[in-house]
Structure formats: C-alpha cells, structure tokens
C-alpha cells in the first residue's frame, strides 16, 4: 500500500494556470505541485491514473517536457506560446 504525501498547499498549475486544488479529491488523485491532475494525465507519458507517487513524479516531468516542446515548436513556426 503506497504512503501518500501530505496534501500540498494551494498552487496554480504550471501548464494551464488554473488554481489547484479546486475541491477535495481522494489522496491518490490529488493534484500535486506544480501540475494539476488533468494536465499530468493529458501531457504525461505512462499509464492513466497511476497512483504510485514515484511514477507520478516521472509523469509530471514528462508532462512539463511535452508542454515545453509544444511551445518551442509554436515559437519556431512563428506562433505564440500556448502555455508559457
């Protein structure tokens, strides 16, 4: 059984900039800084809904990398960044 970290202080998601957490959620689905649960699942690579704390950190890092890649490509082709 995984031991979940304490609930984080309120923060804004680094990708979508929405305030987190918007409401109470279960410990395994709680958003952890710097990303909200939705951006972590949409942009990150790995199985959906994985509750393992170590794999969630890896998924958060891959999600941040994906968002940076998208913004870099948009800047390269002359459009404005979406997430930055």
N, C-alpha and C. Protein backbone atom coordinates (compact mmCIF):
# COMPACT_ATOMS: atom_id res chain seq x y z
N UNK A 1 0.85 -1.17 0.00
CA UNK A 1 0.00 0.00 0.00
C UNK A 1 0.89 1.24 0.00
N UNK A 2 0.70 2.15 -0.97
CA UNK A 2 1.56 3.34 -1.02
C UNK A 2 1.23 4.31 0.11
N UNK A 3 2.24 5.02 0.53
CA UNK A 3 2.05 6.07 1.52
C UNK A 3 2.01 7.39 0.76
N UNK A 4 0.88 8.06 0.81
CA UNK A 4 0.70 9.29 0.06
C UNK A 4 1.29 10.46 0.82
N UNK A 5 1.89 11.42 0.09
CA UNK A 5 2.42 12.60 0.77
C UNK A 5 1.28 13.47 1.30
N UNK A 6 1.61 14.36 2.21
CA UNK A 6 0.60 15.28 2.74
C UNK A 6 0.03 16.11 1.60
N UNK A 7 -1.20 16.57 1.80
CA UNK A 7 -1.84 17.40 0.79
C UNK A 7 -1.05 18.69 0.62
N UNK A 8 -0.79 19.07 -0.63
CA UNK A 8 0.02 20.26 -0.88
C UNK A 8 -0.79 21.54 -0.66
N UNK A 9 -0.06 22.61 -0.49
CA UNK A 9 -0.68 23.92 -0.36
C UNK A 9 -1.32 24.30 -1.70
N UNK A 10 -2.30 25.19 -1.71
CA UNK A 10 -2.89 25.64 -2.97
C UNK A 10 -1.82 26.22 -3.90
N UNK A 11 -1.96 25.96 -5.20
CA UNK A 11 -1.00 26.44 -6.19
C UNK A 11 -1.71 26.60 -7.52
N UNK A 12 -1.06 27.25 -8.47
CA UNK A 12 -1.56 27.35 -9.83
C UNK A 12 -0.78 26.37 -10.69
N UNK A 13 -1.48 25.66 -11.56
CA UNK A 13 -0.85 24.67 -12.43
C UNK A 13 0.15 25.36 -13.36
N UNK A 14 1.29 24.73 -13.55
CA UNK A 14 2.35 25.31 -14.38
C UNK A 14 1.98 25.29 -15.86
N UNK A 15 1.05 24.46 -16.27
CA UNK A 15 0.69 24.37 -17.69
C UNK A 15 -0.59 25.17 -17.98
N UNK A 16 -1.68 24.86 -17.29
CA UNK A 16 -2.96 25.51 -17.61
C UNK A 16 -3.24 26.75 -16.75
N UNK A 17 -2.46 26.97 -15.69
CA UNK A 17 -2.55 28.13 -14.81
C UNK A 17 -3.84 28.20 -14.00
N UNK A 18 -4.57 27.08 -13.86
CA UNK A 18 -5.77 27.05 -13.03
C UNK A 18 -5.38 26.82 -11.56
N UNK A 19 -6.15 27.40 -10.66
CA UNK A 19 -5.90 27.25 -9.22
C UNK A 19 -6.16 25.80 -8.81
N UNK A 20 -5.27 25.26 -8.00
CA UNK A 20 -5.39 23.88 -7.53
C UNK A 20 -5.24 23.85 -6.03
N UNK A 21 -5.83 22.99 -5.31
CA UNK A 21 -6.89 22.08 -5.73
C UNK A 21 -8.23 22.80 -5.70
N UNK A 22 -9.09 22.55 -6.70
CA UNK A 22 -10.38 23.23 -6.74
C UNK A 22 -11.36 22.72 -5.69
N UNK A 23 -11.21 21.46 -5.26
CA UNK A 23 -12.10 20.87 -4.26
C UNK A 23 -11.38 19.66 -3.65
N UNK A 24 -12.01 19.03 -2.69
CA UNK A 24 -11.42 17.84 -2.09
C UNK A 24 -11.42 16.70 -3.10
N UNK A 25 -10.32 15.96 -3.15
CA UNK A 25 -10.22 14.79 -4.01
C UNK A 25 -9.57 13.68 -3.21
N UNK A 26 -9.66 12.45 -3.71
CA UNK A 26 -9.05 11.34 -3.00
C UNK A 26 -7.53 11.53 -2.99
N UNK A 27 -6.84 10.95 -2.02
CA UNK A 27 -5.39 11.16 -1.91
C UNK A 27 -4.61 10.73 -3.16
N UNK A 28 -5.05 9.67 -3.82
CA UNK A 28 -4.29 9.22 -4.98
C UNK A 28 -4.55 10.06 -6.23
N UNK A 29 -5.64 10.80 -6.25
CA UNK A 29 -5.96 11.63 -7.42
C UNK A 29 -5.73 13.12 -7.17
N UNK A 30 -5.22 13.46 -6.01
CA UNK A 30 -5.00 14.86 -5.67
C UNK A 30 -3.90 15.46 -6.52
N UNK A 31 -4.13 16.65 -6.98
CA UNK A 31 -3.10 17.37 -7.73
C UNK A 31 -1.94 17.68 -6.81
N UNK A 32 -0.73 17.49 -7.32
CA UNK A 32 0.47 17.81 -6.55
C UNK A 32 1.28 18.82 -7.35
N UNK A 33 1.77 19.82 -6.65
CA UNK A 33 2.52 20.89 -7.32
C UNK A 33 3.64 20.29 -8.15
N UNK A 34 3.93 20.80 -9.32
CA UNK A 34 3.44 22.04 -9.94
C UNK A 34 2.32 21.84 -10.95
N UNK A 35 1.77 20.59 -11.10
CA UNK A 35 0.76 20.33 -12.13
C UNK A 35 -0.56 19.88 -11.55
N UNK A 36 -1.65 20.24 -12.24
CA UNK A 36 -2.95 19.69 -11.87
C UNK A 36 -3.05 18.26 -12.41
N UNK A 37 -4.00 17.52 -11.87
CA UNK A 37 -4.19 16.12 -12.26
C UNK A 37 -4.47 16.00 -13.76
N UNK A 38 -5.28 16.89 -14.30
CA UNK A 38 -5.67 16.80 -15.71
C UNK A 38 -4.49 17.03 -16.65
N UNK A 39 -3.68 18.03 -16.40
CA UNK A 39 -2.51 18.26 -17.25
C UNK A 39 -1.50 17.13 -17.11
N UNK A 40 -1.36 16.60 -15.90
CA UNK A 40 -0.46 15.47 -15.69
C UNK A 40 -0.89 14.26 -16.53
N UNK A 41 -2.19 14.01 -16.59
CA UNK A 41 -2.69 12.86 -17.35
C UNK A 41 -2.69 13.13 -18.86
N UNK A 42 -3.01 14.36 -19.27
CA UNK A 42 -3.10 14.68 -20.69
C UNK A 42 -1.73 14.77 -21.36
N UNK A 43 -0.76 15.36 -20.70
CA UNK A 43 0.54 15.60 -21.31
C UNK A 43 1.59 14.55 -20.95
N UNK A 44 1.45 13.91 -19.81
CA UNK A 44 2.46 12.97 -19.34
C UNK A 44 2.38 11.62 -20.04
N UNK A 45 3.51 10.92 -20.06
CA UNK A 45 3.54 9.58 -20.64
C UNK A 45 3.51 8.56 -19.51
N UNK A 46 2.78 7.50 -19.72
CA UNK A 46 2.64 6.46 -18.72
C UNK A 46 1.19 6.07 -18.58
N UNK A 47 0.91 5.09 -17.73
CA UNK A 47 -0.47 4.62 -17.60
C UNK A 47 -1.36 5.68 -16.97
N UNK A 48 -2.61 5.74 -17.42
CA UNK A 48 -3.56 6.71 -16.90
C UNK A 48 -3.93 6.37 -15.47
N UNK A 49 -3.94 7.36 -14.60
CA UNK A 49 -4.42 7.19 -13.24
C UNK A 49 -3.49 6.44 -12.32
N UNK A 50 -2.23 6.34 -12.65
CA UNK A 50 -1.27 5.63 -11.79
C UNK A 50 -1.14 6.38 -10.46
N UNK A 51 -1.34 5.68 -9.36
CA UNK A 51 -1.30 6.32 -8.05
C UNK A 51 0.06 6.22 -7.37
N UNK A 52 1.00 5.48 -7.95
CA UNK A 52 2.32 5.33 -7.35
C UNK A 52 3.01 6.70 -7.31
N UNK A 53 3.41 7.18 -6.12
CA UNK A 53 4.00 8.52 -6.01
C UNK A 53 5.25 8.72 -6.86
N UNK A 54 6.11 7.70 -6.94
CA UNK A 54 7.34 7.85 -7.72
C UNK A 54 7.05 7.95 -9.21
N UNK A 55 6.14 7.14 -9.71
CA UNK A 55 5.80 7.20 -11.13
C UNK A 55 5.04 8.47 -11.47
N UNK A 56 4.32 9.02 -10.48
CA UNK A 56 3.64 10.29 -10.74
C UNK A 56 4.64 11.42 -10.94
N UNK A 57 5.74 11.41 -10.20
CA UNK A 57 6.77 12.44 -10.38
C UNK A 57 7.36 12.33 -11.78
N UNK A 58 7.61 11.11 -12.23
CA UNK A 58 8.14 10.91 -13.59
C UNK A 58 7.13 11.39 -14.62
N UNK A 59 5.85 11.09 -14.39
CA UNK A 59 4.82 11.53 -15.33
C UNK A 59 4.70 13.06 -15.34
N UNK A 60 4.86 13.69 -14.18
CA UNK A 60 4.82 15.15 -14.14
C UNK A 60 5.98 15.75 -14.92
N UNK A 61 7.16 15.17 -14.78
CA UNK A 61 8.31 15.69 -15.53
C UNK A 61 8.08 15.52 -17.03
N UNK A 62 7.54 14.38 -17.46
CA UNK A 62 7.30 14.19 -18.89
C UNK A 62 6.22 15.14 -19.39
N UNK A 63 5.24 15.47 -18.55
CA UNK A 63 4.19 16.41 -18.94
C UNK A 63 4.77 17.82 -19.13
N UNK A 64 5.64 18.24 -18.22
CA UNK A 64 6.28 19.55 -18.37
C UNK A 64 7.14 19.61 -19.63
N UNK A 65 7.86 18.54 -19.91
CA UNK A 65 8.68 18.48 -21.12
C UNK A 65 7.81 18.58 -22.37
N UNK A 66 6.67 17.88 -22.37
CA UNK A 66 5.77 17.93 -23.52
C UNK A 66 5.23 19.34 -23.75
N UNK A 67 4.84 20.02 -22.68
CA UNK A 67 4.32 21.38 -22.81
C UNK A 67 5.40 22.33 -23.33
N UNK A 68 6.63 22.17 -22.87
CA UNK A 68 7.73 23.00 -23.36
C UNK A 68 8.01 22.71 -24.83
N UNK A 69 7.95 21.44 -25.23
CA UNK A 69 8.16 21.09 -26.65
C UNK A 69 7.09 21.72 -27.53
N UNK A 70 5.84 21.70 -27.08
CA UNK A 70 4.76 22.30 -27.85
C UNK A 70 4.98 23.80 -28.02
N UNK A 71 5.31 24.49 -26.92
CA UNK A 71 5.57 25.93 -27.00
C UNK A 71 6.79 26.24 -27.87
N UNK A 72 7.84 25.44 -27.77
CA UNK A 72 9.03 25.67 -28.58
C UNK A 72 8.71 25.52 -30.07
N UNK A 73 7.92 24.52 -30.41
CA UNK A 73 7.55 24.32 -31.81
C UNK A 73 6.69 25.49 -32.31
N UNK A 74 5.74 25.94 -31.48
CA UNK A 74 4.89 27.05 -31.90
C UNK A 74 5.72 28.32 -32.11
N UNK A 75 6.69 28.57 -31.26
CA UNK A 75 7.56 29.75 -31.42
C UNK A 75 8.40 29.60 -32.67
N UNK A 76 8.87 28.38 -32.94
CA UNK A 76 9.69 28.14 -34.12
C UNK A 76 8.93 28.43 -35.41
N UNK A 77 7.64 28.11 -35.45
CA UNK A 77 6.88 28.34 -36.68
C UNK A 77 6.23 29.72 -36.71
N UNK A 78 6.52 30.56 -35.70
CA UNK A 78 6.06 31.95 -35.70
C UNK A 78 4.75 32.20 -34.99
N UNK A 79 4.26 31.27 -34.22
CA UNK A 79 3.03 31.48 -33.46
C UNK A 79 3.40 31.71 -31.99
N UNK A 80 2.47 32.22 -31.24
CA UNK A 80 2.71 32.50 -29.82
C UNK A 80 2.61 31.24 -28.99
N UNK A 81 3.26 31.22 -27.84
CA UNK A 81 3.17 30.05 -26.98
C UNK A 81 1.79 29.89 -26.37
N UNK A 82 1.37 28.66 -26.14
CA UNK A 82 0.08 28.40 -25.51
C UNK A 82 0.17 28.35 -23.99
N UNK A 83 1.25 27.81 -23.49
CA UNK A 83 1.34 27.53 -22.05
C UNK A 83 2.33 28.41 -21.30
N UNK A 84 3.19 29.12 -21.99
CA UNK A 84 4.24 29.87 -21.32
C UNK A 84 3.93 31.27 -20.95
